[in-house]
C-alpha atoms as a PDB file:
ATOM      1  CA  MET A   1       0.030   0.002  -0.052  1.00  0.00           C
ATOM      2  CA  ASP A   2       1.247   3.433  -0.999  1.00  0.00           C
ATOM      3  CA  LEU A   3       0.860   6.171   1.570  1.00  0.00           C
ATOM      4  CA  ILE A   4       0.703   9.872   0.553  1.00  0.00           C
ATOM      5  CA  VAL A   5       0.276  12.536   3.054  1.00  0.00           C
ATOM      6  CA  MET A   6      -1.007  16.077   2.250  1.00  0.00           C
ATOM      7  CA  ASN A   7      -0.033  18.661   4.815  1.00  0.00           C
ATOM      8  CA  PRO A   8      -1.936  21.931   4.311  1.00  0.00           C
ATOM      9  CA  GLY A   9      -1.372  25.036   6.328  1.00  0.00           C
ATOM     10  CA  ILE A  10      -4.195  27.618   7.004  1.00  0.00           C
ATOM     11  CA  VAL A  11      -6.670  26.646   4.418  1.00  0.00           C
ATOM     12  CA  ILE A  12      -8.990  29.476   3.207  1.00  0.00           C
ATOM     13  CA  GLY A  13     -11.419  29.996   0.257  1.00  0.00           C
ATOM     14  CA  PRO A  14     -15.087  29.421  -0.364  1.00  0.00           C
ATOM     15  CA  ILE A  15     -16.659  27.276   2.384  1.00  0.00           C
ATOM     16  CA  LEU A  16     -19.395  24.652   1.825  1.00  0.00           C
ATOM     17  CA  GLN A  17     -20.467  24.112   5.376  1.00  0.00           C
ATOM     18  CA  PRO A  18     -22.835  26.624   7.177  1.00  0.00           C
ATOM     19  CA  THR A  19     -20.465  27.081  10.117  1.00  0.00           C
ATOM     20  CA  LEU A  20     -16.992  28.382  10.608  1.00  0.00           C
ATOM     21  CA  ASN A  21     -13.978  26.049  10.647  1.00  0.00           C
ATOM     22  CA  PHE A  22     -10.733  26.892  12.291  1.00  0.00           C
ATOM     23  CA  SER A  23      -8.766  28.243   9.270  1.00  0.00           C
ATOM     24  CA  VAL A  24     -11.530  30.474   7.998  1.00  0.00           C
ATOM     25  CA  GLY A  25     -12.133  31.598  11.504  1.00  0.00           C
ATOM     26  CA  VAL A  26      -8.631  33.168  11.251  1.00  0.00           C
ATOM     27  CA  VAL A  27      -9.842  35.432   8.410  1.00  0.00           C
ATOM     28  CA  VAL A  28     -12.915  36.414  10.466  1.00  0.00           C
ATOM     29  CA  GLU A  29     -10.530  37.366  13.371  1.00  0.00           C
ATOM     30  CA  LEU A  30      -8.489  39.425  10.923  1.00  0.00           C
ATOM     31  CA  THR A  31     -11.546  41.253   9.729  1.00  0.00           C
ATOM     32  CA  LYS A  32     -12.135  42.268  13.296  1.00  0.00           C
ATOM     33  CA  GLY A  33      -8.727  43.782  13.579  1.00  0.00           C
ATOM     34  CA  LYS A  34      -7.407  40.936  15.759  1.00  0.00           C
ATOM     35  CA  ASP A  35      -4.232  39.008  15.088  1.00  0.00           C
ATOM     36  CA  PRO A  36      -5.110  35.468  16.240  1.00  0.00           C
ATOM     37  CA  PHE A  37      -1.513  34.088  16.087  1.00  0.00           C
ATOM     38  CA  MET A  38       0.237  37.314  17.120  1.00  0.00           C
ATOM     39  CA  SER A  39       2.129  37.083  13.807  1.00  0.00           C
ATOM     40  CA  LYS A  40       3.228  39.774  11.361  1.00  0.00           C
ATOM     41  CA  SER A  41       2.819  37.359   8.420  1.00  0.00           C
ATOM     42  CA  TYR A  42       0.727  34.427   7.294  1.00  0.00           C
ATOM     43  CA  ARG A  43       0.773  31.743   4.565  1.00  0.00           C
ATOM     44  CA  PHE A  44      -2.652  30.692   3.286  1.00  0.00           C
ATOM     45  CA  ALA A  45      -3.497  27.733   1.095  1.00  0.00           C
ATOM     46  CA  ASP A  46      -6.632  27.869  -0.995  1.00  0.00           C
ATOM     47  CA  VAL A  47      -9.023  24.960  -0.428  1.00  0.00           C
ATOM     48  CA  ARG A  48      -9.378  24.459  -4.152  1.00  0.00           C
ATOM     49  CA  ASP A  49      -5.553  24.004  -4.395  1.00  0.00           C
ATOM     50  CA  VAL A  50      -5.655  21.571  -1.477  1.00  0.00           C
ATOM     51  CA  SER A  51      -8.454  19.652  -3.257  1.00  0.00           C
ATOM     52  CA  LEU A  52      -6.705  19.624  -6.536  1.00  0.00           C
ATOM     53  CA  ALA A  53      -3.434  18.400  -5.010  1.00  0.00           C
ATOM     54  CA  HIS A  54      -5.312  15.488  -3.475  1.00  0.00           C
ATOM     55  CA  ILE A  55      -6.749  14.558  -6.835  1.00  0.00           C
ATOM     56  CA  LYS A  56      -3.405  15.031  -8.645  1.00  0.00           C
ATOM     57  CA  ALA A  57      -1.647  12.820  -6.053  1.00  0.00           C
ATOM     58  CA  LEU A  58      -4.267  10.036  -6.489  1.00  0.00           C
ATOM     59  CA  GLU A  59      -3.951  10.182 -10.260  1.00  0.00           C
ATOM     60  CA  THR A  60      -0.152  10.329 -10.487  1.00  0.00           C
ATOM     61  CA  PRO A  61       1.436   6.921 -10.183  1.00  0.00           C
ATOM     62  CA  SER A  62       4.791   8.433  -9.174  1.00  0.00           C
ATOM     63  CA  ALA A  63       3.351  10.404  -6.272  1.00  0.00           C
ATOM     64  CA  ASN A  64       4.735   9.388  -2.955  1.00  0.00           C
ATOM     65  CA  GLY A  65       5.582  10.591   0.555  1.00  0.00           C
ATOM     66  CA  ARG A  66       4.586  13.894   2.120  1.00  0.00           C
ATOM     67  CA  TYR A  67       3.471  17.052   0.365  1.00  0.00           C
ATOM     68  CA  ILE A  68       3.390  20.395   2.012  1.00  0.00           C
ATOM     69  CA  ILE A  69       0.553  22.600   0.616  1.00  0.00           C
ATOM     70  CA  ASP A  70       1.156  26.082   1.908  1.00  0.00           C
ATOM     71  CA  GLY A  71       0.848  29.425   0.354  1.00  0.00           C
ATOM     72  CA  PRO A  72       4.022  30.082  -1.704  1.00  0.00           C
ATOM     73  CA  VAL A  73       3.842  33.819  -0.810  1.00  0.00           C
ATOM     74  CA  ILE A  74       4.127  35.286   2.691  1.00  0.00           C
ATOM     75  CA  ALA A  75       1.205  37.698   3.222  1.00  0.00           C
ATOM     76  CA  THR A  76       2.060  40.385   5.803  1.00  0.00           C
ATOM     77  CA  LEU A  77      -0.662  41.805   7.965  1.00  0.00           C
ATOM     78  CA  LYS A  78      -0.436  45.016   5.989  1.00  0.00           C
ATOM     79  CA  ASP A  79      -1.078  43.070   2.714  1.00  0.00           C
ATOM     80  CA  ILE A  80      -4.025  41.100   4.264  1.00  0.00           C
ATOM     81  CA  GLU A  81      -5.548  44.294   5.643  1.00  0.00           C
ATOM     82  CA  LYS A  82      -5.275  46.022   2.275  1.00  0.00           C
ATOM     83  CA  VAL A  83      -7.217  43.184   0.591  1.00  0.00           C
ATOM     84  CA  LEU A  84      -9.855  42.886   3.386  1.00  0.00           C
ATOM     85  CA  ARG A  85     -10.436  46.662   3.385  1.00  0.00           C
ATOM     86  CA  GLU A  86     -11.203  46.434  -0.310  1.00  0.00           C
ATOM     87  CA  PHE A  87     -13.906  43.761   0.160  1.00  0.00           C
ATOM     88  CA  VAL A  88     -15.037  44.737   3.647  1.00  0.00           C
ATOM     89  CA  PRO A  89     -14.709  48.498   3.718  1.00  0.00           C
ATOM     90  CA  TYR A  90     -17.290  49.014   6.379  1.00  0.00           C
ATOM     91  CA  LEU A  91     -15.337  47.006   8.996  1.00  0.00           C
ATOM     92  CA  CYS A  92     -12.663  48.635  11.277  1.00  0.00           C
ATOM     93  CA  ILE A  93      -9.720  46.303  10.467  1.00  0.00           C
ATOM     94  CA  GLY A  94      -6.224  46.948  11.444  1.00  0.00           C
ATOM     95  CA  ASP A  95      -4.598  49.834  13.195  1.00  0.00           C
ATOM     96  CA  ASP A  96      -1.210  51.621  13.102  1.00  0.00           C
ATOM     97  CA  LYS A  97       0.687  48.847  15.193  1.00  0.00           C
ATOM     98  CA  ASN A  98      -0.147  46.338  12.468  1.00  0.00           C
ATOM     99  CA  ASN A  99       1.026  48.578   9.633  1.00  0.00           C
ATOM    100  CA  GLU A 100       4.649  48.387  10.611  1.00  0.00           C
ATOM    101  CA  ASP A 101       6.794  47.053   7.757  1.00  0.00           C
ATOM    102  CA  ILE A 102       8.039  43.525   8.376  1.00  0.00           C
ATOM    103  CA  ASP A 103      11.568  42.371   7.372  1.00  0.00           C
ATOM    104  CA  LEU A 104      10.725  39.087   5.616  1.00  0.00           C
ATOM    105  CA  ASP A 105      14.351  38.005   6.263  1.00  0.00           C
ATOM    106  CA  LEU A 106      13.334  37.683   9.886  1.00  0.00           C
ATOM    107  CA  VAL A 107      10.781  34.933   9.060  1.00  0.00           C
ATOM    108  CA  THR A 108      12.128  31.794  10.836  1.00  0.00           C
ATOM    109  CA  TYR A 109      11.079  29.105   8.447  1.00  0.00           C
ATOM    110  CA  LYS A 110      11.048  28.475   4.766  1.00  0.00           C
ATOM    111  CA  VAL A 111       8.508  26.344   2.973  1.00  0.00           C
ATOM    112  CA  SER A 112       9.172  24.449  -0.266  1.00  0.00           C
ATOM    113  CA  VAL A 113       6.078  23.749  -2.342  1.00  0.00           C
ATOM    114  CA  GLU A 114       8.080  22.489  -5.271  1.00  0.00           C
ATOM    115  CA  LYS A 115       7.121  18.781  -4.587  1.00  0.00           C
ATOM    116  CA  VAL A 116       3.323  19.575  -4.733  1.00  0.00           C
ATOM    117  CA  ARG A 117       3.902  21.790  -7.779  1.00  0.00           C
ATOM    118  CA  SER A 118       5.582  18.779  -9.486  1.00  0.00           C
ATOM    119  CA  LEU A 119       2.087  17.220  -9.389  1.00  0.00           C
ATOM    120  CA  GLY A 120       0.859  19.956 -11.600  1.00  0.00           C
ATOM    121  CA  THR A 121      -0.668  22.146  -8.870  1.00  0.00           C
ATOM    122  CA  GLU A 122      -0.598  25.857  -9.520  1.00  0.00           C
ATOM    123  CA  PHE A 123      -1.513  28.159  -6.609  1.00  0.00           C
ATOM    124  CA  ILE A 124      -4.412  30.601  -6.604  1.00  0.00           C
ATOM    125  CA  PRO A 125      -3.066  34.105  -5.513  1.00  0.00           C
ATOM    126  CA  THR A 126      -3.607  34.891  -1.889  1.00  0.00           C
ATOM    127  CA  GLU A 127      -5.560  38.052  -2.768  1.00  0.00           C
ATOM    128  CA  THR A 128      -8.056  35.904  -4.703  1.00  0.00           C
ATOM    129  CA  SER A 129      -8.393  33.335  -1.899  1.00  0.00           C
ATOM    130  CA  LEU A 130      -9.000  36.146   0.663  1.00  0.00           C
ATOM    131  CA  ARG A 131     -11.625  37.721  -1.590  1.00  0.00           C
ATOM    132  CA  ASP A 132     -13.418  34.528  -2.153  1.00  0.00           C
ATOM    133  CA  THR A 133     -13.321  33.708   1.601  1.00  0.00           C
ATOM    134  CA  VAL A 134     -14.856  37.053   2.422  1.00  0.00           C
ATOM    135  CA  PHE A 135     -17.587  36.582  -0.297  1.00  0.00           C
ATOM    136  CA  SER A 136     -18.308  33.097   1.063  1.00  0.00           C
ATOM    137  CA  LEU A 137     -18.544  34.312   4.625  1.00  0.00           C
ATOM    138  CA  LYS A 138     -20.918  37.061   3.517  1.00  0.00           C
ATOM    139  CA  GLU A 139     -23.084  34.691   1.584  1.00  0.00           C
ATOM    140  CA  LYS A 140     -23.352  32.316   4.580  1.00  0.00           C
ATOM    141  CA  CYS A 141     -24.005  35.226   7.005  1.00  0.00           C
ATOM    142  CA  LEU A 142     -20.915  34.401   9.002  1.00  0.00           C
ATOM    143  CA  MET A 143     -19.523  37.888   9.213  1.00  0.00           C
END
């Protein structure tokens, strides 16, 4: 038996269920001006990318081992707040303390998504994932 493991990070994007899950709850907290992980940057994976990676792994005979599915781009709080303000302008998100520039060289870990890309997975841009998450939350009356 072959074992393939998919390890996604914070998964966002359109939701199917009528309730919040942990990952999308992070976006809700960010729209409230809170920083749930006390972090200056986040990596998000889109649920559609995670689903596609699972399918590609199933269909690719050479697939094996562990695959990290994490956003290839580090999104700073400043970047996230900019996108959220565009789609949720009536909310009071962020403040001056979160708008400090972050030195991305200080990020203590690096993530390689080349293995999951080798399956043919391309990543949806973080801005699109955040937008679609917000639209889905509004549609489900969860924000």
